[in-house]
N, C-alpha and C. Protein backbone atom coordinates (compact mmCIF):
# COMPACT_ATOMS: atom_id res chain seq x y z
N MET A 1 32.52 4.31 19.13
CA MET A 1 30.91 4.08 19.02
C MET A 1 30.14 5.18 19.81
N VAL A 2 29.11 5.94 19.57
CA VAL A 2 28.54 6.69 20.76
C VAL A 2 27.40 5.57 21.66
N THR A 3 27.75 5.68 22.93
CA THR A 3 26.57 4.96 23.63
C THR A 3 25.26 5.84 23.78
N SER A 4 24.54 5.03 23.98
CA SER A 4 23.34 5.34 24.32
C SER A 4 23.14 6.24 25.82
N GLN A 5 23.92 6.09 26.62
CA GLN A 5 24.10 6.94 27.90
C GLN A 5 24.93 8.34 27.32
N THR A 6 25.75 8.36 26.41
CA THR A 6 26.59 9.47 25.87
C THR A 6 25.46 10.36 25.31
N LEU A 7 24.72 9.63 24.26
CA LEU A 7 23.30 10.61 23.62
C LEU A 7 22.41 10.95 24.58
N ASN A 8 22.18 10.21 25.99
CA ASN A 8 21.26 10.71 26.99
C ASN A 8 21.93 12.03 27.57
N SER A 9 22.99 11.99 27.75
CA SER A 9 23.72 12.97 28.48
C SER A 9 23.52 14.40 27.63
N LYS A 10 23.83 14.19 26.32
CA LYS A 10 23.61 15.13 25.27
C LYS A 10 22.29 15.85 25.26
N LEU A 11 21.12 14.83 25.19
CA LEU A 11 19.87 15.14 25.28
C LEU A 11 19.32 15.98 26.57
N SER A 12 20.23 15.51 27.72
CA SER A 12 19.94 16.39 29.04
C SER A 12 20.56 18.11 28.67
N SER A 13 21.12 18.05 28.04
CA SER A 13 21.81 19.59 27.86
C SER A 13 21.35 20.41 26.81
N LEU A 14 20.74 19.89 25.97
CA LEU A 14 19.96 20.61 24.90
C LEU A 14 18.66 21.16 24.99
N GLN A 15 18.25 22.34 24.51
CA GLN A 15 17.05 23.00 24.96
C GLN A 15 15.81 22.38 24.73
N PHE A 16 15.91 21.78 23.42
CA PHE A 16 14.83 21.13 22.88
C PHE A 16 14.24 19.68 24.08
N THR A 17 15.17 19.24 24.27
CA THR A 17 14.99 17.77 25.10
C THR A 17 15.38 18.15 26.64
N SER A 18 15.96 19.04 26.98
CA SER A 18 16.24 19.03 28.55
C SER A 18 15.04 18.99 29.43
N GLN A 19 14.01 19.52 29.05
CA GLN A 19 12.85 19.31 30.10
C GLN A 19 11.99 18.14 29.89
N LEU A 20 12.44 17.31 28.73
CA LEU A 20 11.45 16.12 28.95
C LEU A 20 12.05 15.32 30.13
N PRO A 21 10.97 14.20 30.81
CA PRO A 21 11.34 13.54 31.56
C PRO A 21 12.59 12.26 31.19
N GLN A 22 13.20 12.11 32.13
CA GLN A 22 14.57 11.20 32.20
C GLN A 22 14.20 9.91 31.42
N THR A 23 13.11 9.48 31.68
CA THR A 23 12.66 8.04 30.97
C THR A 23 12.55 8.34 29.60
N ALA A 24 11.88 9.50 29.07
CA ALA A 24 11.77 10.07 27.71
C ALA A 24 13.35 10.27 27.02
N ARG A 25 14.13 10.76 27.72
CA ARG A 25 15.14 11.07 26.98
C ARG A 25 16.13 9.89 26.70
N GLU A 26 15.97 8.95 27.90
CA GLU A 26 16.50 7.53 27.84
C GLU A 26 15.88 6.82 26.40
N ALA A 27 14.96 6.71 26.30
CA ALA A 27 13.98 6.22 25.05
C ALA A 27 14.58 6.81 24.00
N LEU A 28 14.48 8.03 23.78
CA LEU A 28 14.99 9.07 22.53
C LEU A 28 16.29 8.42 22.44
N ALA A 29 17.39 8.39 23.46
CA ALA A 29 18.83 8.09 23.02
C ALA A 29 18.95 6.73 22.50
N GLY A 30 17.96 5.82 22.86
CA GLY A 30 18.07 4.40 22.29
C GLY A 30 17.68 4.26 20.83
N ILE A 31 17.27 5.36 20.01
CA ILE A 31 17.05 5.49 18.47
C ILE A 31 17.64 6.38 18.25
N ALA A 32 18.57 7.24 18.86
CA ALA A 32 19.64 8.39 18.26
C ALA A 32 20.52 7.95 17.73
N SER A 33 21.27 8.52 16.75
CA SER A 33 22.95 8.71 16.51
C SER A 33 23.35 10.17 16.29
N GLU A 34 24.56 9.97 16.08
CA GLU A 34 25.18 11.54 15.91
C GLU A 34 25.66 11.67 14.33
N ARG A 35 25.60 12.82 13.85
CA ARG A 35 26.00 13.22 12.72
C ARG A 35 26.53 14.50 12.63
N ALA A 36 27.73 14.78 11.85
CA ALA A 36 28.38 15.91 11.57
C ALA A 36 28.15 16.15 10.16
N PHE A 37 28.03 17.48 10.17
CA PHE A 37 27.88 18.00 8.74
C PHE A 37 29.10 19.47 8.65
N GLY A 38 29.97 19.55 7.53
CA GLY A 38 30.79 20.65 7.41
C GLY A 38 29.92 21.51 6.73
N LYS A 39 30.62 23.03 6.95
CA LYS A 39 30.20 24.34 6.31
C LYS A 39 29.58 23.88 5.02
N GLY A 40 28.48 24.71 4.57
CA GLY A 40 27.98 24.29 3.12
C GLY A 40 27.19 23.22 2.93
N GLU A 41 27.16 22.20 4.03
CA GLU A 41 26.57 21.01 3.41
C GLU A 41 25.00 21.40 3.72
N VAL A 42 24.14 20.50 3.03
CA VAL A 42 22.60 20.56 3.24
C VAL A 42 22.10 19.53 4.36
N LEU A 43 21.25 19.98 5.26
CA LEU A 43 20.86 19.02 6.51
C LEU A 43 19.36 18.61 5.55
N CYS A 44 18.63 19.28 5.25
CA CYS A 44 17.45 19.15 4.49
C CYS A 44 17.06 20.25 3.50
N ARG A 45 16.23 19.74 2.44
CA ARG A 45 15.95 20.72 1.41
C ARG A 45 14.19 21.01 1.40
N GLU A 46 14.03 22.27 1.26
CA GLU A 46 12.78 22.95 1.13
C GLU A 46 11.89 21.89 0.21
N GLY A 47 10.84 21.45 0.48
CA GLY A 47 9.59 20.74 -0.48
C GLY A 47 10.01 19.34 -0.18
N GLU A 48 11.11 18.74 0.04
CA GLU A 48 11.59 17.21 0.07
C GLU A 48 11.06 17.04 1.68
N GLY A 49 10.81 15.71 1.48
CA GLY A 49 10.48 14.79 2.78
C GLY A 49 11.84 14.93 3.48
N CYS A 50 11.33 14.60 4.89
CA CYS A 50 12.30 14.53 6.18
C CYS A 50 12.29 13.33 6.58
N GLU A 51 13.48 12.43 6.55
CA GLU A 51 13.45 11.20 6.85
C GLU A 51 14.05 11.14 8.34
N GLU A 52 14.29 12.48 8.66
CA GLU A 52 15.31 12.33 10.01
C GLU A 52 14.79 13.88 10.58
N LEU A 53 14.97 13.61 11.99
CA LEU A 53 14.72 15.13 12.74
C LEU A 53 16.00 15.23 13.54
N PHE A 54 16.78 16.31 13.36
CA PHE A 54 17.83 16.77 13.90
C PHE A 54 17.92 17.70 14.99
N LEU A 55 18.62 17.51 15.87
CA LEU A 55 18.81 18.26 17.22
C LEU A 55 19.97 18.83 17.05
N ILE A 56 20.36 20.33 17.05
CA ILE A 56 21.64 20.84 16.68
C ILE A 56 22.61 20.90 18.16
N ASN A 57 23.73 19.93 17.98
CA ASN A 57 24.57 20.09 19.19
C ASN A 57 25.46 21.21 19.25
N LYS A 58 26.02 21.40 18.29
CA LYS A 58 27.04 22.34 18.07
C LYS A 58 27.07 22.90 16.48
N GLY A 59 27.15 24.32 16.32
CA GLY A 59 27.26 25.01 15.39
C GLY A 59 25.85 25.67 14.94
N HIS A 60 25.85 26.28 13.66
CA HIS A 60 24.59 27.25 13.45
C HIS A 60 24.25 26.42 11.83
N VAL A 61 23.11 26.57 11.85
CA VAL A 61 22.31 25.97 10.61
C VAL A 61 21.60 27.39 10.00
N GLY A 62 21.82 27.62 8.66
CA GLY A 62 20.78 28.84 8.22
C GLY A 62 19.57 27.93 7.56
N LEU A 63 18.27 28.69 7.96
CA LEU A 63 17.29 28.10 7.06
C LEU A 63 16.90 29.25 6.06
N ASP A 64 17.00 28.57 4.61
CA ASP A 64 16.75 29.58 3.60
C ASP A 64 15.51 29.03 2.74
N MET A 65 14.81 29.83 2.37
CA MET A 65 13.37 29.80 1.61
C MET A 65 13.62 30.44 0.41
N LEU A 66 13.19 29.64 -0.78
CA LEU A 66 13.01 30.10 -2.24
C LEU A 66 12.07 31.06 -2.20
N VAL A 67 12.52 32.34 -2.53
CA VAL A 67 11.50 33.31 -2.83
C VAL A 67 11.34 33.80 -4.16
N PRO A 68 10.07 33.81 -4.86
CA PRO A 68 10.16 33.96 -6.39
C PRO A 68 10.75 35.42 -6.68
N GLY A 69 11.61 35.63 -7.52
CA GLY A 69 12.02 36.84 -8.03
C GLY A 69 13.25 37.33 -7.25
N ARG A 70 13.56 36.30 -6.03
CA ARG A 70 14.54 36.74 -5.17
C ARG A 70 15.63 35.62 -5.08
N GLY A 71 15.23 34.40 -5.16
CA GLY A 71 15.93 33.04 -5.09
C GLY A 71 15.89 32.72 -3.69
N GLN A 72 17.26 32.04 -3.14
CA GLN A 72 17.24 31.65 -1.94
C GLN A 72 17.47 32.88 -0.94
N VAL A 73 16.49 32.96 -0.05
CA VAL A 73 16.61 33.96 1.29
C VAL A 73 16.79 33.47 2.60
N ARG A 74 17.66 33.77 3.53
CA ARG A 74 18.10 33.25 4.72
C ARG A 74 16.83 33.80 5.54
N VAL A 75 16.01 32.95 6.05
CA VAL A 75 15.00 33.68 7.08
C VAL A 75 15.31 33.44 8.73
N MET A 76 16.15 32.45 8.79
CA MET A 76 16.33 32.31 10.26
C MET A 76 17.87 31.54 10.33
N THR A 77 18.54 31.61 11.43
CA THR A 77 19.45 30.82 11.96
C THR A 77 19.25 30.04 13.13
N LEU A 78 19.91 28.75 12.96
CA LEU A 78 19.56 28.07 14.12
C LEU A 78 20.80 27.44 14.85
N GLY A 79 20.94 27.23 16.05
CA GLY A 79 22.28 27.07 16.84
C GLY A 79 21.72 25.90 17.85
N PRO A 80 22.85 25.67 18.78
CA PRO A 80 22.61 24.76 19.84
C PRO A 80 21.69 24.58 20.25
N GLY A 81 20.73 23.29 20.37
CA GLY A 81 19.61 23.25 21.06
C GLY A 81 18.39 23.24 20.30
N ASP A 82 18.45 23.72 19.12
CA ASP A 82 17.34 23.86 18.20
C ASP A 82 16.98 22.78 17.39
N VAL A 83 15.77 22.54 17.08
CA VAL A 83 15.27 21.25 16.41
C VAL A 83 15.34 21.69 14.82
N LEU A 84 15.59 20.72 13.85
CA LEU A 84 15.40 21.03 12.83
C LEU A 84 14.83 19.88 11.82
N ALA A 85 14.13 20.02 10.82
CA ALA A 85 13.40 19.15 10.19
C ALA A 85 12.18 18.45 11.15
N TRP A 86 11.67 19.26 11.62
CA TRP A 86 10.64 18.60 12.48
C TRP A 86 9.38 18.29 12.03
N SER A 87 9.40 18.46 10.44
CA SER A 87 8.26 17.69 9.66
C SER A 87 8.25 16.18 9.69
N ALA A 88 9.56 15.90 10.06
CA ALA A 88 9.92 14.32 10.24
C ALA A 88 9.02 13.83 11.40
N LEU A 89 8.61 14.48 12.36
CA LEU A 89 7.68 14.08 13.50
C LEU A 89 6.33 14.13 13.67
N ILE A 90 6.03 14.90 12.18
CA ILE A 90 4.68 14.90 11.96
C ILE A 90 4.20 14.26 10.84
N GLY A 91 4.94 13.29 10.51
CA GLY A 91 4.42 12.63 9.30
C GLY A 91 5.15 13.02 7.86
N ASN A 92 6.31 13.33 7.93
CA ASN A 92 6.96 13.93 6.90
C ASN A 92 6.39 14.72 5.52
N GLN A 93 6.05 15.70 5.94
CA GLN A 93 5.07 16.95 4.94
C GLN A 93 6.12 17.18 3.88
N GLY A 94 7.34 17.34 4.34
CA GLY A 94 8.05 18.00 3.47
C GLY A 94 9.04 19.14 4.19
N ALA A 95 10.12 19.63 3.95
CA ALA A 95 10.73 20.60 4.95
C ALA A 95 10.24 21.97 4.20
N THR A 96 10.11 22.74 5.02
CA THR A 96 9.29 24.10 4.84
C THR A 96 10.56 24.89 4.44
N ALA A 97 11.71 24.45 4.82
CA ALA A 97 13.12 25.37 4.40
C ALA A 97 14.04 24.62 4.17
N THR A 98 15.41 25.10 3.31
CA THR A 98 16.37 24.40 3.10
C THR A 98 17.44 24.37 4.43
N GLY A 99 17.81 23.72 5.01
CA GLY A 99 18.82 24.08 6.13
C GLY A 99 20.30 23.60 5.66
N VAL A 100 21.12 24.58 5.88
CA VAL A 100 22.59 24.81 5.26
C VAL A 100 23.53 24.71 6.52
N ALA A 101 24.48 23.99 6.73
CA ALA A 101 25.51 24.38 7.79
C ALA A 101 26.12 25.51 7.41
N LEU A 102 26.20 26.28 8.57
CA LEU A 102 27.10 27.74 8.07
C LEU A 102 28.57 27.46 8.68
N ASP A 103 28.65 26.60 9.69
CA ASP A 103 29.96 26.26 10.08
C ASP A 103 30.02 24.90 10.16
N ASP A 104 30.71 24.04 11.21
CA ASP A 104 30.81 22.95 11.20
C ASP A 104 29.80 22.57 12.29
N VAL A 105 28.89 21.55 12.10
CA VAL A 105 27.65 21.34 12.81
C VAL A 105 27.88 19.82 13.22
N GLU A 106 27.44 19.72 14.50
CA GLU A 106 27.22 18.59 15.39
C GLU A 106 25.74 18.38 15.42
N THR A 107 25.10 17.21 15.19
CA THR A 107 23.60 16.89 15.46
C THR A 107 23.49 15.66 16.23
N VAL A 108 22.42 15.43 16.74
CA VAL A 108 21.75 14.34 17.49
C VAL A 108 20.63 14.01 16.21
N VAL A 109 20.56 13.01 15.95
CA VAL A 109 19.57 12.36 14.59
C VAL A 109 18.69 11.43 15.12
N PHE A 110 17.41 11.63 14.51
CA PHE A 110 16.36 10.57 14.90
C PHE A 110 15.77 10.16 13.91
N PRO A 111 15.84 8.88 13.39
CA PRO A 111 15.03 8.44 12.36
C PRO A 111 13.53 8.53 12.44
N ASP A 112 12.77 9.08 11.13
CA ASP A 112 11.52 9.45 11.35
C ASP A 112 10.59 8.42 11.72
N ASP A 113 10.83 7.01 11.08
CA ASP A 113 10.01 6.07 11.53
C ASP A 113 10.14 5.24 12.64
N ALA A 114 11.33 5.34 13.26
CA ALA A 114 11.62 5.01 14.85
C ALA A 114 10.85 5.89 15.79
N LEU A 115 10.92 7.18 15.41
CA LEU A 115 10.52 8.38 16.39
C LEU A 115 9.04 8.33 16.34
N LEU A 116 8.55 8.01 15.21
CA LEU A 116 7.09 8.21 15.06
C LEU A 116 6.45 6.94 15.99
N ASP A 117 7.04 5.87 15.84
CA ASP A 117 6.77 4.46 16.41
C ASP A 117 6.62 4.98 17.74
N LEU A 118 8.03 5.15 18.29
CA LEU A 118 8.24 5.37 19.55
C LEU A 118 7.21 6.35 20.49
N CYS A 119 6.86 7.47 19.56
CA CYS A 119 5.73 8.41 20.17
C CYS A 119 4.72 7.71 20.14
N GLN A 120 4.20 7.10 19.21
CA GLN A 120 2.70 6.32 19.00
C GLN A 120 2.54 5.20 20.16
N VAL A 121 3.65 4.55 20.63
CA VAL A 121 3.68 3.48 21.74
C VAL A 121 3.90 3.75 23.03
N ASN A 122 4.44 4.99 23.15
CA ASN A 122 4.87 5.65 24.42
C ASN A 122 4.46 6.88 24.72
N SER A 123 3.08 7.07 25.23
CA SER A 123 2.83 8.81 25.62
C SER A 123 3.74 9.20 26.21
N GLU A 124 4.52 8.48 27.39
CA GLU A 124 5.44 9.29 28.14
C GLU A 124 6.46 9.89 27.30
N VAL A 125 7.05 9.56 26.05
CA VAL A 125 7.77 9.99 25.33
C VAL A 125 6.94 11.14 24.44
N GLY A 126 5.89 10.54 23.70
CA GLY A 126 5.08 11.24 22.47
C GLY A 126 4.51 12.49 22.92
N TYR A 127 3.66 12.66 24.11
CA TYR A 127 3.10 13.69 24.49
C TYR A 127 4.08 14.89 24.93
N PRO A 128 5.10 14.59 25.71
CA PRO A 128 6.12 15.78 25.78
C PRO A 128 6.89 16.05 24.97
N LEU A 129 7.31 15.07 24.19
CA LEU A 129 7.93 15.83 22.78
C LEU A 129 7.14 16.49 21.88
N MET A 130 6.12 16.49 21.68
CA MET A 130 5.02 17.09 21.03
C MET A 130 4.93 18.59 21.75
N ARG A 131 4.99 18.58 23.07
CA ARG A 131 4.75 19.81 23.69
C ARG A 131 5.89 20.66 23.38
N GLU A 132 7.21 19.89 23.73
CA GLU A 132 8.26 20.72 22.88
C GLU A 132 8.36 21.45 21.54
N LEU A 133 7.88 20.38 20.97
CA LEU A 133 7.79 20.59 19.16
C LEU A 133 6.88 21.90 19.08
N ALA A 134 5.72 21.93 19.79
CA ALA A 134 4.86 23.09 19.91
C ALA A 134 5.52 24.31 20.23
N LYS A 135 6.26 24.18 21.29
CA LYS A 135 7.02 25.41 21.89
C LYS A 135 7.99 25.99 20.89
N ALA A 136 8.66 25.06 20.16
CA ALA A 136 9.71 25.32 19.09
C ALA A 136 9.19 26.15 18.16
N ILE A 137 8.15 25.69 17.62
CA ILE A 137 7.08 26.47 16.42
C ILE A 137 6.74 27.53 16.78
N SER A 138 6.21 27.56 18.02
CA SER A 138 5.86 29.04 18.51
C SER A 138 7.00 29.68 18.76
N ARG A 139 8.03 29.70 19.11
CA ARG A 139 9.20 30.51 18.84
C ARG A 139 9.50 31.06 17.69
N ARG A 140 9.33 29.94 16.60
CA ARG A 140 9.65 30.33 15.38
C ARG A 140 8.73 31.27 14.75
N LEU A 141 7.69 30.87 14.93
CA LEU A 141 6.50 31.79 14.48
C LEU A 141 6.26 33.08 15.16
N VAL A 142 6.84 33.22 16.48
CA VAL A 142 7.11 34.70 17.15
C VAL A 142 8.41 35.33 16.12
N ALA A 143 9.09 34.60 15.91
CA ALA A 143 10.60 35.17 15.48
C ALA A 143 10.19 35.59 14.07
N SER A 144 9.30 35.02 13.23
CA SER A 144 8.78 35.27 11.99
C SER A 144 8.22 36.66 11.97
N ARG A 145 7.36 36.63 13.10
CA ARG A 145 6.47 37.86 12.96
C ARG A 145 7.17 39.07 13.19
N LEU A 146 8.24 38.81 14.03
CA LEU A 146 9.12 39.99 14.27
C LEU A 146 9.81 40.49 13.30
N GLN A 147 10.19 39.59 12.15
CA GLN A 147 11.25 39.64 11.12
C GLN A 147 10.03 40.75 9.99
N LEU A 148 8.68 40.17 10.09
CA LEU A 148 7.79 40.75 9.24
C LEU A 148 7.69 42.27 9.71
N LEU A 149 7.39 42.54 10.95
CA LEU A 149 7.15 43.77 11.44
C LEU A 149 8.26 44.67 11.03
N ASP A 150 9.43 43.94 11.07
CA ASP A 150 10.84 45.05 10.86
C ASP A 150 10.68 45.32 9.50
N LEU A 151 10.50 44.21 8.65
CA LEU A 151 10.54 44.39 7.12
C LEU A 151 9.45 45.63 6.92
N PHE A 152 7.94 45.52 7.31
CA PHE A 152 7.16 46.64 7.19
C PHE A 152 7.57 48.15 7.53
N ARG A 153 8.31 47.88 8.89
CA ARG A 153 8.66 49.16 9.33
C ARG A 153 9.68 49.96 8.43
N VAL A 154 10.91 48.97 8.22
CA VAL A 154 11.66 49.46 7.36
C VAL A 154 11.11 50.00 6.01
N GLY A 155 10.23 49.55 5.51
CA GLY A 155 9.51 49.87 4.25
C GLY A 155 8.83 51.25 4.27
N ALA A 156 8.25 51.40 5.45
CA ALA A 156 7.44 52.45 5.66
C ALA A 156 8.03 53.68 6.18
N ASN A 157 9.56 53.58 6.71
CA ASN A 157 10.34 54.60 6.75
C ASN A 157 10.86 55.00 5.82
N GLU A 158 11.02 54.09 4.59
CA GLU A 158 11.61 54.27 3.19
C GLU A 158 10.78 55.40 2.45
N ASP A 159 9.32 55.13 2.65
CA ASP A 159 8.49 55.78 1.89
C ASP A 159 8.00 57.39 2.58
N SER A 160 8.72 57.59 3.65
CA SER A 160 8.35 59.04 4.22
C SER A 160 9.51 59.79 3.87
């Protein structure tokens, strides 16, 4: 059985949670668990509700989106320290992509109801966690923009 102390140690080493105050990591460790996924397993599905937020501890997860006329398209790959299914933290809006394990993946998992409750009653957890989530979303937005620029650059070169 995984102890809260072990989970706190993992949270200290992961990019998404390493900058959180120690008290916030301890509170998060109290509601967390660990889960492993084998290659090809789906962690979350585009359009479906997310009842858990995942922090990738080991392995890689591909983010795939359904593109009309093209099917599933890989838009990003996440690795250790990245957060997955962040919509669980903002009220279960539904996943924006399908997360598929590209190899054996180990995660730290937070149930959405316990996570939301913790954030609402403890601003020392909620605010720093939302700040880190905003940073993670910002990094993904920049990566998406760079992909679009590369796509348009390739398209422009083919027309020349």
